[in-house]
Protein backbone atom coordinates (compact mmCIF):
# COMPACT_ATOMS: atom_id res chain seq x y z
CA MET A 1 -49.37 -56.22 27.28
CA ASN A 2 -48.89 -58.70 24.44
CA SER A 3 -45.58 -59.98 23.10
CA LYS A 4 -45.79 -57.83 19.96
CA ASP A 5 -45.98 -54.66 22.06
CA ARG A 6 -43.07 -55.83 24.19
CA ASN A 7 -41.00 -56.50 21.07
CA LEU A 8 -41.75 -52.95 19.92
CA GLY A 9 -40.59 -51.61 23.26
CA MET A 10 -43.96 -50.37 24.48
CA ASP A 11 -43.06 -51.55 27.98
CA ARG A 12 -39.73 -49.70 28.04
CA PRO A 13 -39.39 -46.52 30.12
CA ILE A 14 -38.35 -43.53 28.05
CA SER A 15 -36.09 -40.95 29.70
CA ARG A 16 -36.97 -37.39 28.76
CA ARG A 17 -34.42 -34.89 30.05
CA ASP A 18 -32.61 -31.82 28.81
CA ILE A 19 -30.04 -29.27 29.93
CA LEU A 20 -30.92 -25.58 29.99
CA HIS A 21 -27.90 -23.29 30.34
CA GLY A 22 -26.12 -25.92 32.39
CA VAL A 23 -29.08 -26.48 34.72
CA GLY A 24 -30.66 -29.93 34.79
CA VAL A 25 -34.24 -29.86 33.56
CA MET A 26 -36.53 -32.86 33.92
CA ALA A 27 -39.89 -32.76 32.17
CA ALA A 28 -40.94 -36.36 32.73
CA ALA A 29 -38.68 -39.28 33.60
CA SER A 30 -39.22 -43.00 33.18
CA LEU A 31 -42.47 -42.62 31.32
CA VAL A 32 -44.43 -45.67 30.25
CA PRO A 33 -47.46 -45.80 27.92
CA GLY A 34 -51.10 -45.80 28.81
CA GLN A 35 -53.36 -43.40 30.66
CA SER A 36 -50.78 -42.87 33.39
CA LEU A 37 -48.37 -41.70 30.70
CA ALA A 38 -50.90 -39.26 29.33
CA ASN A 39 -51.60 -37.91 32.80
CA GLN A 40 -47.90 -37.38 33.50
CA ILE A 41 -47.34 -35.75 30.14
CA LEU A 42 -50.19 -33.31 30.60
CA ALA A 43 -49.11 -32.35 34.10
CA PRO A 44 -47.09 -29.11 34.39
CA ALA A 45 -43.33 -29.63 34.16
CA THR A 46 -41.03 -28.55 36.97
CA VAL A 47 -37.64 -26.96 36.54
CA SER A 48 -34.95 -27.01 39.19
CA THR A 49 -34.58 -23.23 38.98
CA GLY A 50 -38.11 -22.88 40.35
CA SER A 51 -39.54 -21.35 37.19
CA ALA A 52 -42.92 -22.41 35.82
CA GLY A 53 -41.35 -24.64 33.17
CA TYR A 54 -39.36 -24.55 29.99
CA PRO A 55 -41.76 -25.56 27.17
CA PRO A 56 -39.21 -26.97 24.67
CA VAL A 57 -38.34 -29.80 27.07
CA LEU A 58 -41.96 -30.71 27.75
CA THR A 59 -42.75 -33.99 26.05
CA GLY A 60 -45.83 -35.85 24.97
CA MET A 61 -48.84 -34.02 23.60
CA ARG A 62 -47.56 -30.54 22.80
CA GLY A 63 -48.98 -28.42 19.95
CA ASN A 64 -52.61 -27.63 20.82
CA HIS A 65 -52.11 -29.33 24.17
CA ASP A 66 -54.89 -30.39 26.50
CA GLY A 67 -56.55 -27.33 28.03
CA SER A 68 -55.62 -24.93 25.24
CA PHE A 69 -58.84 -25.53 23.34
CA ASP A 70 -61.36 -26.01 26.17
CA VAL A 71 -62.79 -22.48 26.20
CA VAL A 72 -63.16 -22.15 22.44
CA HIS A 73 -64.85 -25.56 22.28
CA GLN A 74 -67.25 -24.47 25.00
CA LEU A 75 -67.99 -21.34 22.99
CA ALA A 76 -68.39 -23.06 19.62
CA LEU A 77 -69.96 -26.38 20.63
CA GLU A 78 -71.92 -25.48 23.76
CA ALA A 79 -72.74 -21.83 22.99
CA ARG A 80 -71.37 -20.87 26.40
CA ARG A 81 -71.11 -17.12 26.95
CA ASP A 82 -70.40 -16.76 30.68
CA TRP A 83 -67.31 -18.08 32.49
CA GLY A 84 -67.95 -16.18 35.72
CA PRO A 85 -65.92 -13.34 37.22
CA ALA A 86 -62.16 -13.13 36.75
CA GLU A 87 -60.25 -14.86 39.55
CA GLU A 88 -57.45 -12.29 39.44
CA PRO A 89 -58.76 -9.06 37.90
CA ASP A 90 -56.20 -6.84 36.20
CA PHE A 91 -57.12 -3.20 36.80
CA ARG A 92 -54.28 -1.76 34.74
CA VAL A 93 -55.10 0.20 31.58
CA TYR A 94 -53.62 -0.97 28.29
CA ASP A 95 -53.32 0.91 25.03
CA LEU A 96 -53.51 -2.32 23.00
CA VAL A 97 -54.69 -5.82 23.85
CA ILE A 98 -53.63 -8.62 21.50
CA VAL A 99 -55.30 -12.03 21.60
CA GLY A 100 -52.84 -14.67 20.41
CA ALA A 101 -49.07 -14.76 20.91
CA GLY A 102 -48.19 -16.36 17.59
CA ILE A 103 -45.99 -14.67 15.01
CA SER A 104 -48.87 -12.47 13.84
CA GLY A 105 -49.77 -11.28 17.35
CA LEU A 106 -46.15 -10.66 18.29
CA ALA A 107 -45.51 -8.83 15.02
CA ALA A 108 -48.60 -6.69 15.61
CA ALA A 109 -47.27 -5.68 19.04
CA TYR A 110 -43.92 -4.79 17.48
CA PHE A 111 -45.43 -2.72 14.67
CA TYR A 112 -47.74 -0.89 17.08
CA ARG A 113 -44.88 -0.02 19.44
CA GLN A 114 -42.78 1.19 16.52
CA ALA A 115 -45.44 3.78 15.82
CA ASN A 116 -46.23 4.41 19.51
CA PRO A 117 -43.06 3.88 21.61
CA ASP A 118 -44.53 4.56 25.06
CA VAL A 119 -47.65 2.40 24.92
CA ARG A 120 -48.58 -0.42 27.30
CA ILE A 121 -49.48 -3.66 25.46
CA LEU A 122 -51.08 -6.83 26.85
CA ILE A 123 -50.67 -10.07 24.89
CA LEU A 124 -52.95 -12.99 25.79
CA ASP A 125 -52.57 -16.63 24.74
CA ASN A 126 -54.18 -19.95 25.64
CA HIS A 127 -50.93 -21.93 25.35
CA ASP A 128 -48.02 -22.29 27.76
CA ASP A 129 -45.53 -20.67 25.40
CA PHE A 130 -45.48 -17.82 22.91
CA GLY A 131 -44.75 -18.30 19.21
CA GLY A 132 -47.91 -20.01 18.00
CA HIS A 133 -46.95 -22.96 15.84
CA ALA A 134 -43.23 -22.17 16.14
CA ARG A 135 -42.57 -24.93 18.67
CA ARG A 136 -39.20 -26.49 19.43
CA ASN A 137 -38.67 -30.01 20.81
CA GLU A 138 -35.53 -30.70 22.83
CA PHE A 139 -33.97 -33.92 24.10
CA ASN A 140 -30.80 -34.92 25.88
CA ILE A 141 -29.60 -38.33 24.72
CA ALA A 142 -26.36 -39.73 26.15
CA GLY A 143 -25.04 -36.25 26.76
CA HIS A 144 -26.01 -34.99 23.30
CA ARG A 145 -28.47 -32.11 23.10
CA LEU A 146 -30.94 -32.67 20.26
CA ILE A 147 -33.22 -29.97 18.87
CA GLY A 148 -36.14 -30.61 16.51
CA TYR A 149 -39.16 -28.61 15.42
CA GLY A 150 -42.62 -29.39 16.64
CA GLY A 151 -44.52 -26.95 14.44
CA SER A 152 -43.52 -24.25 11.97
CA GLN A 153 -40.85 -25.73 9.74
CA THR A 154 -39.11 -23.30 7.42
CA LEU A 155 -38.84 -19.78 6.09
CA GLU A 156 -39.73 -20.54 2.49
CA ALA A 157 -38.06 -18.45 -0.25
CA PRO A 158 -37.34 -15.40 1.98
CA SER A 159 -35.84 -13.51 -0.97
CA GLY A 160 -39.39 -13.05 -2.21
CA TYR A 161 -40.79 -11.64 1.04
CA SER A 162 -42.39 -8.22 1.04
CA ASP A 163 -40.50 -5.18 2.34
CA VAL A 164 -42.61 -5.30 5.53
CA VAL A 165 -41.48 -8.84 6.35
CA LYS A 166 -37.86 -8.26 5.34
CA SER A 167 -37.72 -5.16 7.51
CA LEU A 168 -39.03 -7.09 10.53
CA LEU A 169 -36.46 -9.85 10.03
CA ARG A 170 -33.66 -7.26 9.82
CA ASP A 171 -34.86 -5.56 13.00
CA LEU A 172 -34.89 -8.92 14.77
CA LYS A 173 -31.35 -9.64 13.51
CA VAL A 174 -32.53 -12.67 11.54
CA ASP A 175 -29.87 -13.14 8.90
CA VAL A 176 -31.34 -15.57 6.36
CA SER A 177 -27.98 -15.75 4.58
CA ARG A 178 -26.70 -17.86 7.47
CA PHE A 179 -28.70 -20.72 5.99
CA ASP A 180 -25.95 -21.23 3.40
CA SER A 181 -23.46 -22.24 6.08
CA ALA A 182 -25.76 -23.54 8.83
CA TYR A 183 -27.55 -26.11 6.65
CA ASP A 184 -25.23 -28.94 5.60
CA GLN A 185 -26.24 -29.21 1.95
CA GLY A 186 -23.91 -32.15 1.39
CA PHE A 187 -25.04 -34.25 4.37
CA TYR A 188 -27.34 -36.66 2.53
CA LYS A 189 -25.07 -37.12 -0.49
CA ARG A 190 -21.95 -37.48 1.68
CA HIS A 191 -23.56 -40.34 3.58
CA GLY A 192 -25.24 -41.85 0.50
CA LEU A 193 -28.77 -41.21 1.80
CA SER A 194 -31.48 -41.22 -0.86
CA GLY A 195 -35.26 -41.06 -0.64
CA GLY A 196 -37.59 -44.03 -0.50
CA VAL A 197 -41.17 -45.25 -0.47
CA VAL A 198 -42.54 -47.71 2.10
CA PHE A 199 -45.32 -50.24 1.48
CA ASN A 200 -46.90 -51.63 4.65
CA ARG A 201 -48.12 -55.15 5.34
CA GLU A 202 -51.65 -54.12 6.34
CA GLU A 203 -52.44 -52.50 3.00
CA TRP A 204 -50.01 -54.21 0.59
CA GLY A 205 -49.53 -57.65 2.13
CA VAL A 206 -45.82 -57.11 2.80
CA ASP A 207 -43.54 -54.61 4.53
CA ARG A 208 -41.21 -53.31 1.83
CA LEU A 209 -38.88 -50.35 1.48
CA VAL A 210 -38.11 -49.32 -2.09
CA PRO A 211 -35.16 -46.86 -2.16
CA TYR A 212 -36.60 -44.57 -4.81
CA ASP A 213 -38.07 -41.07 -4.45
CA LEU A 214 -41.51 -40.75 -6.04
CA GLY A 215 -41.03 -36.99 -6.13
CA ALA A 216 -42.40 -36.04 -2.71
CA LEU A 217 -38.99 -35.64 -1.02
CA GLY A 218 -36.37 -34.38 -3.46
CA GLY A 219 -38.13 -31.06 -3.82
CA TYR A 220 -37.04 -29.89 -0.37
CA LEU A 221 -34.25 -32.25 0.70
CA PRO A 222 -30.88 -32.42 -1.12
CA LEU A 223 -30.92 -36.23 -1.13
CA ALA A 224 -28.50 -38.54 -2.86
CA PRO A 225 -29.85 -39.96 -6.13
CA SER A 226 -31.37 -43.41 -5.99
CA GLU A 227 -29.24 -46.25 -7.32
CA LEU A 228 -32.39 -47.72 -8.88
CA SER A 229 -33.89 -46.71 -12.21
CA ALA A 230 -37.62 -46.04 -12.32
CA ALA A 231 -38.15 -49.44 -13.97
CA GLU A 232 -36.11 -51.25 -11.32
CA ALA A 233 -37.93 -49.43 -8.51
CA VAL A 234 -41.37 -50.21 -9.92
CA GLN A 235 -40.48 -53.90 -10.19
CA GLN A 236 -39.91 -53.96 -6.43
CA MET A 237 -43.33 -52.45 -5.67
CA PRO A 238 -45.89 -55.01 -4.39
CA MET A 239 -48.42 -54.30 -7.15
CA SER A 240 -50.11 -56.17 -9.95
CA ASP A 241 -48.42 -56.13 -13.35
CA SER A 242 -51.01 -53.74 -14.77
CA ALA A 243 -50.53 -51.33 -11.85
CA ARG A 244 -46.75 -51.51 -12.27
CA ASN A 245 -47.10 -50.62 -15.93
CA GLU A 246 -49.20 -47.57 -15.08
CA MET A 247 -46.85 -46.50 -12.28
CA LEU A 248 -43.82 -46.76 -14.59
CA ARG A 249 -45.61 -44.68 -17.21
CA LEU A 250 -46.50 -42.06 -14.61
CA LEU A 251 -42.89 -41.84 -13.42
CA THR A 252 -41.33 -41.61 -16.86
CA VAL A 253 -43.83 -39.85 -19.14
CA ASP A 254 -42.55 -36.54 -20.49
CA GLU A 255 -45.04 -35.76 -23.24
CA ASP A 256 -47.80 -33.16 -22.90
CA GLN A 257 -50.82 -35.05 -21.58
CA MET A 258 -53.26 -32.25 -22.50
CA PRO A 259 -52.35 -31.22 -26.06
CA GLU A 260 -55.94 -30.21 -26.71
CA ILE A 261 -55.71 -27.39 -24.14
CA PRO A 262 -53.74 -24.29 -25.25
CA ALA A 263 -50.60 -23.59 -23.24
CA ASP A 264 -51.88 -20.24 -21.95
CA ALA A 265 -55.08 -21.90 -20.69
CA LYS A 266 -53.49 -24.83 -18.84
CA TYR A 267 -52.76 -22.89 -15.64
CA ASP A 268 -56.39 -21.85 -15.16
CA TYR A 269 -57.58 -25.34 -16.10
CA PHE A 270 -55.56 -26.93 -13.31
CA TYR A 271 -57.60 -24.90 -10.81
CA THR A 272 -60.75 -26.68 -11.97
CA ILE A 273 -59.62 -30.30 -11.65
CA SER A 274 -58.35 -32.52 -8.85
CA TYR A 275 -55.05 -34.36 -9.13
CA ARG A 276 -56.91 -37.67 -9.12
CA ASP A 277 -59.11 -36.57 -12.02
CA PHE A 278 -56.06 -35.30 -13.89
CA LEU A 279 -54.43 -38.71 -13.60
CA SER A 280 -57.51 -40.61 -14.69
CA LYS A 281 -58.72 -38.28 -17.47
CA HIS A 282 -55.44 -37.10 -18.96
CA VAL A 283 -52.76 -39.62 -18.00
CA GLY A 284 -54.88 -42.76 -18.32
CA ILE A 285 -54.33 -44.02 -14.78
CA SER A 286 -57.09 -46.39 -13.70
CA GLU A 287 -55.56 -48.92 -11.28
CA ARG A 288 -56.64 -48.44 -7.66
CA GLU A 289 -53.18 -49.43 -6.41
CA VAL A 290 -51.59 -46.45 -8.14
CA PHE A 291 -54.07 -44.04 -6.48
CA ALA A 292 -53.17 -45.70 -2.70
CA ALA A 293 -49.63 -45.08 -3.51
CA LEU A 294 -50.33 -41.40 -4.29
CA LYS A 295 -52.75 -40.50 -1.48
CA VAL A 296 -50.14 -38.84 0.72
CA GLN A 297 -50.65 -35.35 -0.70
CA VAL A 298 -53.34 -33.90 1.67
CA ARG A 299 -51.80 -31.84 4.49
CA ALA A 300 -53.97 -30.37 7.27
CA PRO A 301 -54.71 -30.77 10.17
CA MET A 302 -51.33 -32.11 11.22
CA LEU A 303 -49.49 -34.29 13.68
CA TYR A 304 -45.74 -33.68 13.96
CA THR A 305 -43.89 -36.39 15.87
CA SER A 306 -40.26 -36.01 16.99
CA VAL A 307 -38.48 -39.29 17.75
CA ALA A 308 -35.04 -39.25 19.40
CA LEU A 309 -32.88 -42.23 18.37
CA ARG A 310 -29.70 -43.46 20.06
CA ASN A 311 -28.04 -43.55 16.62
CA TRP A 312 -28.92 -43.67 12.91
CA GLN A 313 -26.89 -46.69 11.86
CA ALA A 314 -29.93 -48.38 10.31
CA TRP A 315 -30.56 -45.39 8.04
CA LYS A 316 -26.93 -45.40 6.98
CA ASN A 317 -26.96 -49.16 6.36
CA LEU A 318 -30.01 -48.84 4.11
CA GLY A 319 -28.78 -45.70 2.33
CA ILE A 320 -32.01 -43.88 3.23
CA GLY A 321 -32.45 -40.35 4.59
CA ALA A 322 -36.21 -39.90 4.17
CA VAL A 323 -39.19 -42.02 3.18
CA VAL A 324 -42.84 -41.58 2.33
CA SER A 325 -45.33 -44.25 3.35
CA THR A 326 -48.21 -45.30 1.12
CA GLY A 327 -50.28 -46.77 3.93
CA GLY A 328 -48.53 -46.08 7.22
CA TYR A 329 -49.90 -44.07 10.12
CA HIS A 330 -47.39 -41.30 9.47
CA VAL A 331 -47.05 -40.34 5.81
CA ASN A 332 -43.31 -39.82 6.07
CA ALA A 333 -40.24 -40.15 8.23
CA MET A 334 -36.95 -38.29 7.78
CA LEU A 335 -33.70 -37.60 9.53
CA ASP A 336 -34.18 -34.05 10.75
CA PHE A 337 -32.64 -31.13 8.86
CA PRO A 338 -28.81 -31.13 9.19
CA VAL A 339 -28.43 -27.69 10.80
CA THR A 340 -25.46 -26.54 12.92
CA MET A 341 -25.56 -23.03 14.38
CA GLY A 342 -25.39 -20.99 17.56
CA GLY A 343 -23.32 -23.55 19.44
CA TYR A 344 -25.64 -26.38 18.45
CA GLU A 345 -24.10 -29.18 16.40
CA PHE A 346 -25.94 -31.68 14.24
CA ALA A 347 -24.99 -35.37 14.31
CA SER A 348 -21.61 -35.84 12.68
CA GLY A 349 -21.82 -39.59 12.09
CA PRO A 350 -24.23 -42.54 12.27
CA ASP A 351 -23.17 -43.43 15.83
CA ASP A 352 -24.50 -40.09 17.14
CA PRO A 353 -28.05 -39.59 18.47
CA ILE A 354 -30.45 -37.93 16.07
CA VAL A 355 -34.06 -36.71 15.78
CA VAL A 356 -36.39 -38.33 13.26
CA HIS A 357 -39.28 -36.14 12.13
CA MET A 358 -42.58 -37.85 11.22
CA GLU A 359 -45.80 -36.32 9.93
CA ARG A 360 -49.45 -37.34 9.77
CA PHE A 361 -52.25 -35.29 8.16
CA PRO A 362 -55.48 -37.00 9.28
CA HIS A 363 -58.30 -36.81 6.75
CA ARG A 364 -60.90 -39.00 5.07
CA PRO A 365 -59.81 -39.56 1.45
CA ASN A 366 -61.79 -41.03 -1.42
CA GLU A 367 -65.19 -40.75 0.29
CA GLY A 368 -66.56 -37.86 -1.73
CA LEU A 369 -66.09 -35.42 1.16
CA GLY A 370 -65.14 -31.78 0.64
CA GLU A 371 -61.96 -30.37 2.12
CA ARG A 372 -63.67 -28.74 5.09
CA ALA A 373 -65.48 -31.96 6.00
CA GLN A 374 -62.25 -33.93 5.75
CA ARG A 375 -60.56 -31.49 8.10
CA ARG A 376 -63.38 -31.78 10.64
CA PHE A 377 -62.97 -35.55 10.74
CA GLY A 378 -59.21 -35.08 10.95
CA ARG A 379 -59.47 -32.74 13.95
CA HIS A 380 -61.70 -35.19 15.77
CA GLU A 381 -59.23 -38.02 15.18
CA LEU A 382 -56.28 -35.88 16.19
CA LEU A 383 -57.74 -34.95 19.57
CA ALA A 384 -59.33 -38.34 20.31
CA THR A 385 -56.30 -40.56 19.66
CA SER A 386 -54.34 -41.69 22.72
CA PHE A 387 -50.62 -41.14 23.08
CA GLU A 388 -50.26 -44.92 23.40
CA THR A 389 -51.80 -45.45 19.96
CA ILE A 390 -49.48 -42.89 18.39
CA GLU A 391 -46.42 -44.39 20.09
CA ARG A 392 -47.33 -47.90 18.97
CA ASN A 393 -47.68 -46.67 15.39
CA VAL A 394 -44.35 -44.83 15.57
CA ARG A 395 -42.54 -47.91 16.81
CA SER A 396 -44.16 -50.38 14.40
CA GLN A 397 -43.73 -48.08 11.39
CA LEU A 398 -40.05 -47.42 12.02
CA ALA A 399 -39.49 -51.10 12.73
CA ALA A 400 -41.07 -52.15 9.44
CA THR A 401 -39.20 -49.45 7.50
CA LEU A 402 -35.74 -49.97 8.98
CA ALA A 403 -35.66 -53.65 10.02
CA ASP A 404 -33.31 -54.67 7.20
CA GLY A 405 -30.86 -52.02 8.41
CA GLY A 406 -30.70 -53.53 11.90
CA PHE A 407 -33.17 -51.19 13.63
CA ASP A 408 -34.72 -52.35 16.92
CA PRO A 409 -37.47 -50.03 18.22
CA ALA A 410 -37.17 -51.33 21.78
CA ARG A 411 -33.45 -50.62 21.83
CA ASP A 412 -33.03 -47.61 19.55
CA ILE A 413 -35.92 -45.25 20.44
CA GLU A 414 -34.97 -42.99 23.35
CA ALA A 415 -37.83 -40.47 23.42
CA ILE A 416 -41.00 -39.41 21.58
CA THR A 417 -42.68 -36.01 21.53
CA VAL A 418 -46.09 -35.65 19.89
CA ASN A 419 -47.17 -32.25 18.55
CA ARG A 420 -50.89 -32.10 17.76
CA TRP A 421 -52.07 -29.19 15.61
CA ALA A 422 -55.82 -29.50 15.22
CA HIS A 423 -55.85 -26.29 13.17
CA GLY A 424 -52.40 -26.71 11.71
CA TYR A 425 -52.79 -24.86 8.43
CA SER A 426 -54.93 -21.87 7.58
CA TYR A 427 -57.63 -22.73 5.08
CA THR A 428 -56.70 -21.84 1.52
CA TYR A 429 -59.54 -21.90 -0.96
CA ASN A 430 -60.09 -25.03 -2.98
CA ASP A 431 -61.34 -23.95 -6.38
CA LEU A 432 -63.15 -27.26 -6.82
CA GLU A 433 -65.48 -26.23 -3.98
CA GLY A 434 -65.88 -22.49 -4.49
CA PRO A 435 -65.30 -19.52 -6.79
CA TYR A 436 -61.80 -18.28 -7.58
CA TYR A 437 -61.03 -14.57 -7.91
CA LYS A 438 -57.72 -13.40 -9.30
CA ASP A 439 -57.41 -10.61 -6.72
CA TRP A 440 -56.66 -12.26 -3.36
CA ASP A 441 -58.10 -9.19 -1.63
CA ASP A 442 -61.38 -9.39 -3.51
CA GLU A 443 -64.16 -8.57 -1.03
CA ARG A 444 -66.18 -11.53 -2.24
CA TYR A 445 -63.72 -13.80 -0.43
CA PRO A 446 -64.84 -14.76 3.11
CA HIS A 447 -61.42 -14.02 4.63
CA VAL A 448 -61.55 -10.44 3.32
CA ARG A 449 -65.04 -9.88 4.71
CA ALA A 450 -64.15 -11.52 8.04
CA ARG A 451 -61.11 -9.33 8.71
CA LYS A 452 -62.96 -6.01 8.40
CA PRO A 453 -62.50 -3.80 11.51
CA PHE A 454 -65.23 -3.84 14.14
CA GLY A 455 -64.96 -0.58 16.01
CA ARG A 456 -61.46 -0.59 17.53
CA ILE A 457 -61.06 -4.34 16.93
CA THR A 458 -58.93 -5.41 13.97
CA ILE A 459 -58.05 -8.89 12.79
CA ALA A 460 -54.55 -10.19 12.08
CA ASN A 461 -53.18 -13.78 11.78
CA SER A 462 -52.67 -16.03 8.77
CA ASP A 463 -56.40 -16.87 8.55
CA ALA A 464 -56.98 -13.25 7.59
CA GLY A 465 -54.76 -13.86 4.57
CA ALA A 466 -56.12 -17.35 3.82
CA ASP A 467 -52.57 -18.68 3.70
CA ALA A 468 -50.51 -20.55 6.30
CA MET A 469 -47.14 -19.02 5.46
CA MET A 470 -45.19 -17.02 8.04
CA GLU A 471 -44.84 -13.97 5.82
CA VAL A 472 -48.63 -13.79 5.39
CA ALA A 473 -49.12 -13.75 9.17
CA VAL A 474 -46.67 -10.85 9.48
CA GLU A 475 -48.24 -8.91 6.60
CA GLN A 476 -51.70 -9.32 8.14
CA ALA A 477 -50.35 -8.02 11.46
CA HIS A 478 -49.02 -4.93 9.68
CA ARG A 479 -52.36 -4.37 7.94
CA ALA A 480 -54.34 -4.77 11.19
CA VAL A 481 -52.12 -2.29 13.06
CA SER A 482 -52.38 0.18 10.18
CA GLU A 483 -56.15 0.05 10.49
CA LEU A 484 -55.87 1.27 14.09
CA ALA A 485 -54.01 4.44 13.06
């Protein structure tokens, strides 16, 4: 191991423990990087109660973990059709068999039992926990229990959910109004934490944090306003003068950039043009540096990384709560959502441990590839990358971002959990690559044709709705169950 890795803390053991209802739970202790780390991470966890394991405290490669995709890859890539006889045959008779224990499969079971109270239902899944992408990462740092999310993030705009979804949430006693008190809306402003953009040495020649939100963060985090004006922020960006001029224009322009297109036609026009083409054709952006800076917009597949820190003093010192990176391995890093509920308390001050959430959406930009091709390359990268590589990138990226605030990755990082979602988001049609029909249930769409019943087999899940949102998965479950009536 070289000195750079040692300075990052790659040689430091990371303790990964948690407490479950007062019972000590150890998923993997004193883990160090390399193949031995991967082997330990992928081994089944043991719990002192003798149960098979408590998935939220498992660390390392969660998400679509090793083994969860073996059979489907054999089917799709090797055309395998025979896996031999069942080792433990189940001779019981079931009224309904559901493949997949995500929100759509679980909702389907619920809807079916509502209509048929006495039925026997079997739910099958290839993962070690139910809930699909709704994964939870837990840590215990210096006696503080930390909870982060390893998959599904939010219930977005629940007031607009359909009656089917709202009814399910009510039945499950999910009170969305609790958000108003559980989420500390004033956390970022109270601590003076604004958004920022990070330029990395490899791509820009210097590691630099500019405390200014380019617009990718303030839409979903109630951050404090930046103390910099757009002009002051742009002057700190490591760009040529011509690129700075274009960036400043992009950040401050408020005139209609397409006056030749009638207002009632603009919406449909946006479906026919990429964001890059919009900037070049209508806003006059031509500098390559402005396009690196804006390439963080593609989302799936996805890598969610939860990093437990001993404290968040460096974030406080810098006045930063979340950043986007224009060239880093992860496209962003943020102090996790300030939520206190159900006996769980979020960090009260910068001396408390905290979870940092980081995201990567592997793809191949600016190579003329379509969205599906980019996702294929992204899936390959996601599954082929070692845990050691991801950890090294986490440590070096946080070090470069937070160094001026006093951050030391070897000292301050207590634990890392990697959540790999090779198929993180359901495919939503890209109108640049295919036809667009105003009716989302138009039978010319592949997802509508693919979900048609086949005998007594019906198709649920978010893919059947061509949308990754939770409410779509529930609505598709309701539709699939209705087709069995």
